[in-house]
């Protein structure tokens, strides 16, 4: 019973993988790098491979199949980085590893507060020993309307957390939850575009909501709207978003994800020229906070996804019911 683990971080995951694999009776092949064609051979002898948010395209999936891989598990909630159609065509099953919602929900509220209090500009000035106040006047959350798009586990937790700040909360989801209605009013998306001072995204990326925030939806928003995204970068059309920041339509933003981030995040690129012009522009704005897809990153997250992803592989290889299987 062997599993090949890619993207295995030596500083926080490796020891946990070894510990939990021993408990579960699983042999491991550990690789610190993302799966690529030049290291796909490491999957030979493994029925399961274990990845994170690296792009798993059709070429890789076919190579995995040729090496005898039957199951791909990702140590993430989202699995849009895996070509599900190619996996299905190759007879490969895919699983995810949902973790507790509190880490991302906490991070979301932090980004909201940092955005409305202009913390990016404050920290920039402080680093230069500029202690002036001009241009740093912020807003109080209790005076604002927050629109939460997506009320799954994370979005629902964000709604609950926001209730303690006294702000008005609006929500949108295709599937409404009674517990969310205690703290928020479910409304159509058009009302969120028109009425929200802050909009935060908590929906998985699908073909239907790709570029959910684009020039058309931005035009419907309030002037000076604040956008927070801890979900998926492609929910936002970067070109339209940057233009709206430049012309003042978007007043501030907190982004933990950006478009085309695959291959950038989780690697040291300080000596590289990055092939993501939009990221460079976004990082240049004093009213935009950009972090590198790490809202999830807590001690609880690491322990949960390492153990659950291995348990998922074990259940698959034993032919037992697998709650983490998604296709």
Protein backbone atom coordinates (compact mmCIF):
# COMPACT_ATOMS: atom_id res chain seq x y z
CA UNK A 1 0.00 0.00 0.00
CA UNK A 2 2.09 2.89 -1.37
CA UNK A 3 1.28 6.59 -1.88
CA UNK A 4 3.43 9.12 -3.73
CA UNK A 5 3.24 12.55 -2.09
CA UNK A 6 4.15 15.59 -4.16
CA UNK A 7 4.66 19.16 -2.88
CA UNK A 8 5.68 17.70 0.49
CA UNK A 9 6.93 20.59 2.61
CA UNK A 10 9.87 19.48 4.77
CA UNK A 11 9.30 22.08 7.49
CA UNK A 12 5.71 21.23 8.46
CA UNK A 13 4.33 18.26 6.50
CA UNK A 14 7.09 15.68 6.20
CA UNK A 15 7.16 14.49 9.82
CA UNK A 16 3.35 14.37 9.94
CA UNK A 17 3.21 12.30 6.75
CA UNK A 18 5.71 9.84 8.20
CA UNK A 19 3.83 9.65 11.52
CA UNK A 20 0.36 9.17 10.03
CA UNK A 21 1.56 6.79 7.31
CA UNK A 22 3.02 4.55 10.00
CA UNK A 23 -0.30 4.60 11.88
CA UNK A 24 -2.22 3.70 8.71
CA UNK A 25 0.20 1.11 7.37
CA UNK A 26 1.06 3.10 4.24
CA UNK A 27 4.43 3.28 2.51
CA UNK A 28 5.41 6.71 1.19
CA UNK A 29 7.37 8.17 -1.67
CA UNK A 30 7.97 11.82 -0.71
CA UNK A 31 8.78 14.56 -3.21
CA UNK A 32 9.19 18.23 -2.29
CA UNK A 33 8.46 19.38 -5.84
CA UNK A 34 5.20 19.73 -7.71
CA UNK A 35 4.28 16.87 -10.04
CA UNK A 36 5.79 17.38 -13.48
CA UNK A 37 6.61 15.17 -16.41
CA UNK A 38 10.24 14.94 -15.26
CA UNK A 39 9.27 13.47 -11.87
CA UNK A 40 6.06 11.64 -12.71
CA UNK A 41 8.06 8.40 -12.63
CA UNK A 42 8.03 8.67 -8.81
CA UNK A 43 4.40 7.55 -8.95
CA UNK A 44 5.30 4.09 -10.31
CA UNK A 45 4.22 1.47 -7.81
CA UNK A 46 1.67 3.79 -6.18
CA UNK A 47 -2.05 3.43 -6.75
CA UNK A 48 -2.54 6.86 -5.19
CA UNK A 49 -0.82 10.23 -5.52
CA UNK A 50 -1.18 13.12 -3.11
CA UNK A 51 -0.88 16.76 -4.31
CA UNK A 52 -1.82 20.33 -3.41
CA UNK A 53 -2.80 23.18 -5.78
CA UNK A 54 -0.35 22.43 -8.58
CA UNK A 55 -1.89 22.20 -12.02
CA UNK A 56 -2.73 18.58 -12.80
CA UNK A 57 -3.44 18.65 -16.53
CA UNK A 58 -4.38 15.94 -19.00
CA UNK A 59 -0.76 15.14 -19.88
CA UNK A 60 0.12 14.49 -16.26
CA UNK A 61 -3.01 12.48 -15.67
CA UNK A 62 -2.29 10.23 -18.64
CA UNK A 63 1.25 9.74 -17.35
CA UNK A 64 -0.09 8.86 -13.89
CA UNK A 65 -2.44 6.33 -15.45
CA UNK A 66 0.38 4.76 -17.41
CA UNK A 67 2.27 4.38 -14.11
CA UNK A 68 -0.68 2.56 -12.52
CA UNK A 69 -2.15 5.45 -10.53
CA UNK A 70 -5.86 5.05 -9.83
CA UNK A 71 -6.56 7.83 -7.33
CA UNK A 72 -5.46 11.47 -6.96
CA UNK A 73 -6.10 13.23 -3.67
CA UNK A 74 -5.51 16.94 -3.15
CA UNK A 75 -4.74 18.44 0.24
CA UNK A 76 -7.19 21.24 -0.46
CA UNK A 77 -10.93 21.87 -0.44
CA UNK A 78 -10.97 23.03 -4.06
CA UNK A 79 -10.02 20.70 -6.88
CA UNK A 80 -10.36 22.96 -9.93
CA UNK A 81 -6.61 22.56 -10.51
CA UNK A 82 -7.23 18.94 -11.53
CA UNK A 83 -8.58 18.14 -14.99
CA UNK A 84 -11.56 16.06 -13.88
CA UNK A 85 -12.62 15.17 -17.42
CA UNK A 86 -9.19 13.75 -18.21
CA UNK A 87 -9.18 11.89 -14.91
CA UNK A 88 -12.58 10.37 -15.65
CA UNK A 89 -11.50 9.38 -19.15
CA UNK A 90 -8.46 7.64 -17.66
CA UNK A 91 -10.51 5.90 -14.98
CA UNK A 92 -8.77 7.84 -12.20
CA UNK A 93 -10.78 8.88 -9.16
CA UNK A 94 -10.21 12.23 -7.44
CA UNK A 95 -10.60 13.18 -3.80
CA UNK A 96 -10.16 16.34 -1.74
CA UNK A 97 -9.41 17.04 1.91
CA UNK A 98 -11.73 19.64 3.44
CA UNK A 99 -10.40 21.31 6.54
CA UNK A 100 -12.04 23.42 9.23
CA UNK A 101 -13.49 26.75 8.04
CA UNK A 102 -12.17 28.93 10.84
CA UNK A 103 -8.70 29.64 9.44
CA UNK A 104 -9.95 31.09 6.15
CA UNK A 105 -12.92 32.78 7.84
CA UNK A 106 -10.62 34.49 10.36
CA UNK A 107 -8.27 35.55 7.58
CA UNK A 108 -11.17 36.95 5.58
CA UNK A 109 -12.33 39.18 8.42
CA UNK A 110 -8.72 40.28 8.91
CA UNK A 111 -8.47 41.31 5.24
CA UNK A 112 -11.78 43.17 5.48
CA UNK A 113 -10.56 45.10 8.51
CA UNK A 114 -7.13 45.76 6.99
CA UNK A 115 -8.75 47.02 3.77
CA UNK A 116 -11.24 49.40 5.35
CA UNK A 117 -8.56 50.72 7.75
CA UNK A 118 -5.99 51.19 4.93
CA UNK A 119 -3.49 48.96 6.67
CA UNK A 120 -1.41 48.36 3.56
CA UNK A 121 -0.66 52.07 3.26
CA UNK A 122 -0.13 52.38 7.02
CA UNK A 123 2.45 49.59 7.09
CA UNK A 124 4.17 51.03 4.03
CA UNK A 125 4.56 54.41 5.68
CA UNK A 126 5.63 52.93 9.00
CA UNK A 127 8.40 50.99 7.27
CA UNK A 128 9.74 54.34 6.00
CA UNK A 129 9.28 56.02 9.39
CA UNK A 130 6.56 58.24 7.91
CA UNK A 131 4.09 58.72 10.74
CA UNK A 132 1.74 61.20 9.08
CA UNK A 133 -2.05 60.74 9.06
CA UNK A 134 -3.15 62.38 5.80
CA UNK A 135 -4.97 59.90 3.56
CA UNK A 136 -5.22 57.16 6.19
CA UNK A 137 -8.70 57.91 7.52
CA UNK A 138 -10.51 54.56 7.64
CA UNK A 139 -14.05 53.35 8.11
CA UNK A 140 -15.72 51.36 10.88
CA UNK A 141 -17.18 47.97 10.02
CA UNK A 142 -20.37 48.56 11.98
CA UNK A 143 -21.26 51.37 9.53
CA UNK A 144 -20.96 49.16 6.45
CA UNK A 145 -22.93 46.57 4.51
CA UNK A 146 -21.00 43.40 3.73
CA UNK A 147 -22.04 41.06 0.91
CA UNK A 148 -20.95 37.45 1.34
CA UNK A 149 -21.05 35.43 -1.89
CA UNK A 150 -21.12 31.72 -1.11
CA UNK A 151 -22.31 30.40 2.25
CA UNK A 152 -20.71 26.99 2.40
CA UNK A 153 -18.78 26.14 5.54
CA UNK A 154 -16.34 29.02 5.16
CA UNK A 155 -18.82 31.63 3.98
CA UNK A 156 -21.28 30.70 6.74
CA UNK A 157 -18.50 31.06 9.33
CA UNK A 158 -17.59 34.48 7.91
CA UNK A 159 -21.23 35.54 8.27
CA UNK A 160 -21.27 34.37 11.88
CA UNK A 161 -17.99 36.16 12.63
CA UNK A 162 -19.21 39.39 11.06
CA UNK A 163 -22.32 39.37 13.24
CA UNK A 164 -20.16 40.38 16.18
CA UNK A 165 -19.15 43.64 14.49
CA UNK A 166 -22.67 45.03 14.17
CA UNK A 167 -22.54 45.47 10.40
CA UNK A 168 -25.37 44.66 8.02
CA UNK A 169 -24.70 41.37 6.26
CA UNK A 170 -26.20 40.25 2.95
CA UNK A 171 -25.59 36.81 1.46
CA UNK A 172 -26.00 34.93 -1.78
CA UNK A 173 -25.90 31.21 -2.40
CA UNK A 174 -27.82 28.80 -4.62
CA UNK A 175 -28.54 26.76 -1.49
CA UNK A 176 -29.66 28.82 1.49
CA UNK A 177 -28.94 27.78 5.09
CA UNK A 178 -31.23 28.42 8.02
CA UNK A 179 -28.31 29.10 10.36
CA UNK A 180 -27.04 31.84 8.05
CA UNK A 181 -30.44 33.53 8.08
CA UNK A 182 -29.95 34.28 11.77
CA UNK A 183 -27.25 36.79 10.87
CA UNK A 184 -27.69 37.68 7.20
CA UNK A 185 -30.35 38.37 4.60
CA UNK A 186 -30.21 36.22 1.48
CA UNK A 187 -30.58 38.43 -1.58
CA UNK A 188 -30.04 38.18 -5.36
CA UNK A 189 -26.53 38.92 -6.60
CA UNK A 190 -27.70 42.16 -8.18
CA UNK A 191 -28.53 43.57 -4.76
CA UNK A 192 -25.08 42.68 -3.44
CA UNK A 193 -23.49 44.45 -6.40
CA UNK A 194 -25.64 47.53 -5.80
CA UNK A 195 -25.78 47.77 -2.00
CA UNK A 196 -22.64 46.25 -0.48
CA UNK A 197 -19.77 48.39 0.73
CA UNK A 198 -17.64 45.26 1.08
CA UNK A 199 -17.94 42.12 -1.06
CA UNK A 200 -16.20 38.90 -0.04
CA UNK A 201 -16.01 35.77 -2.20
CA UNK A 202 -16.42 32.23 -0.84
CA UNK A 203 -17.58 30.17 -3.77
CA UNK A 204 -15.79 27.36 -5.62
CA UNK A 205 -14.62 28.15 -9.14
CA UNK A 206 -16.84 26.71 -11.88
CA UNK A 207 -17.38 27.39 -15.57
CA UNK A 208 -20.50 29.35 -14.66
CA UNK A 209 -18.81 31.79 -12.27
CA UNK A 210 -15.47 32.27 -14.01
CA UNK A 211 -14.86 36.06 -13.89
CA UNK A 212 -17.89 36.52 -11.67
CA UNK A 213 -16.50 39.98 -10.97
CA UNK A 214 -15.92 41.63 -14.32
CA UNK A 215 -16.43 45.03 -15.96
CA UNK A 216 -20.21 44.56 -16.03
CA UNK A 217 -20.63 43.60 -12.38
CA UNK A 218 -18.09 46.19 -11.21
CA UNK A 219 -20.10 48.88 -12.99
CA UNK A 220 -23.12 47.96 -10.83
CA UNK A 221 -21.18 48.35 -7.56
CA UNK A 222 -20.92 51.32 -5.24
CA UNK A 223 -18.09 53.74 -5.83
CA UNK A 224 -15.23 52.87 -3.48
CA UNK A 225 -16.38 49.27 -2.94
CA UNK A 226 -13.98 46.94 -1.11
CA UNK A 227 -13.38 43.48 -2.62
CA UNK A 228 -11.96 40.54 -0.65
CA UNK A 229 -11.13 37.21 -2.26
CA UNK A 230 -9.90 34.18 -0.34
CA UNK A 231 -11.51 31.68 -2.72
CA UNK A 232 -10.12 31.40 -6.26
CA UNK A 233 -8.32 34.00 -8.35
CA UNK A 234 -10.24 33.37 -11.56
CA UNK A 235 -13.47 34.54 -9.92
CA UNK A 236 -12.14 38.02 -10.76
CA UNK A 237 -11.29 39.40 -14.20
CA UNK A 238 -7.88 40.90 -13.44
CA UNK A 239 -7.87 43.44 -16.28
CA UNK A 240 -11.27 44.87 -15.35
CA UNK A 241 -10.33 44.78 -11.67
CA UNK A 242 -7.08 46.70 -12.17
CA UNK A 243 -8.83 49.30 -14.30
CA UNK A 244 -11.44 49.77 -11.56
CA UNK A 245 -8.73 50.26 -8.93
CA UNK A 246 -6.96 52.79 -11.13
CA UNK A 247 -10.12 54.83 -11.73
CA UNK A 248 -11.24 54.65 -8.09
CA UNK A 249 -14.35 52.53 -8.61
CA UNK A 250 -12.82 49.89 -6.32
CA UNK A 251 -11.60 51.65 -3.20
CA UNK A 252 -9.58 48.82 -1.69
CA UNK A 253 -9.01 45.09 -1.95
CA UNK A 254 -7.68 42.17 0.05
CA UNK A 255 -6.60 39.32 -2.21
CA UNK A 256 -5.24 36.00 -1.01
CA UNK A 257 -5.60 34.55 -4.52
CA UNK A 258 -4.97 35.89 -8.03
CA UNK A 259 -5.42 34.64 -11.55
CA UNK A 260 -2.67 32.48 -13.04
CA UNK A 261 -0.95 31.86 -9.72
CA UNK A 262 -0.03 28.25 -10.52
CA UNK A 263 3.72 27.77 -10.45
CA UNK A 264 4.30 31.01 -8.52
CA UNK A 265 3.06 30.52 -5.01
CA UNK A 266 4.92 28.40 -2.47
CA UNK A 267 8.24 28.87 -4.28
CA UNK A 268 11.11 31.33 -3.78
CA UNK A 269 11.08 33.65 -6.80
CA UNK A 270 12.94 36.64 -5.39
CA UNK A 271 15.58 36.44 -8.14
CA UNK A 272 13.12 35.68 -10.94
CA UNK A 273 11.18 37.78 -13.41
CA UNK A 274 7.61 36.70 -12.81
CA UNK A 275 5.35 35.96 -15.75
CA UNK A 276 2.31 37.50 -14.11
CA UNK A 277 2.01 41.19 -14.97
CA UNK A 278 -1.36 41.47 -13.23
CA UNK A 279 0.15 40.33 -9.92
CA UNK A 280 2.91 42.92 -10.20
CA UNK A 281 0.36 45.68 -10.81
CA UNK A 282 -1.87 44.58 -7.96
CA UNK A 283 1.06 44.52 -5.55
CA UNK A 284 1.97 48.08 -6.57
CA UNK A 285 -1.26 49.66 -5.33
CA UNK A 286 -1.17 51.00 -1.75
CA UNK A 287 -4.87 50.18 -1.30
CA UNK A 288 -4.51 46.52 -2.32
CA UNK A 289 -3.25 43.83 0.05
CA UNK A 290 -1.97 40.70 -1.70
CA UNK A 291 -0.95 37.55 0.17
CA UNK A 292 0.19 34.31 -1.42
CA UNK A 293 -2.79 31.94 -1.10
CA UNK A 294 -2.27 31.20 2.56
CA UNK A 295 -5.56 32.02 4.27
CA UNK A 296 -5.92 28.31 4.99
CA UNK A 297 -2.46 27.95 6.52
CA UNK A 298 -2.83 27.12 10.19
CA UNK A 299 -1.52 24.33 12.41
CA UNK A 300 -4.99 22.77 12.41
CA UNK A 301 -5.09 22.83 8.61
CA UNK A 302 -1.77 21.04 8.16
CA UNK A 303 -2.59 18.26 10.61
CA UNK A 304 -6.09 17.77 9.15
CA UNK A 305 -5.22 17.60 5.45
CA UNK A 306 -2.17 15.39 5.87
CA UNK A 307 -4.04 12.81 7.91
CA UNK A 308 -7.32 12.94 5.98
CA UNK A 309 -5.63 12.76 2.57
CA UNK A 310 -3.79 9.61 3.64
CA UNK A 311 -6.96 8.12 5.15
CA UNK A 312 -8.71 8.84 1.85
CA UNK A 313 -6.04 6.90 -0.04
CA UNK A 314 -6.29 3.99 2.39
CA UNK A 315 -10.08 3.82 2.04
CA UNK A 316 -9.78 3.86 -1.73
CA UNK A 317 -7.16 1.11 -1.83
CA UNK A 318 -9.25 -1.02 0.55
CA UNK A 319 -12.35 -0.53 -1.61
CA UNK A 320 -14.30 1.06 1.25
CA UNK A 321 -16.74 3.97 1.24
CA UNK A 322 -14.72 7.19 0.91
CA UNK A 323 -16.28 10.46 2.10
CA UNK A 324 -13.52 12.49 0.43
CA UNK A 325 -14.05 11.18 -3.11
CA UNK A 326 -15.43 13.89 -5.43
CA UNK A 327 -15.74 12.18 -8.83
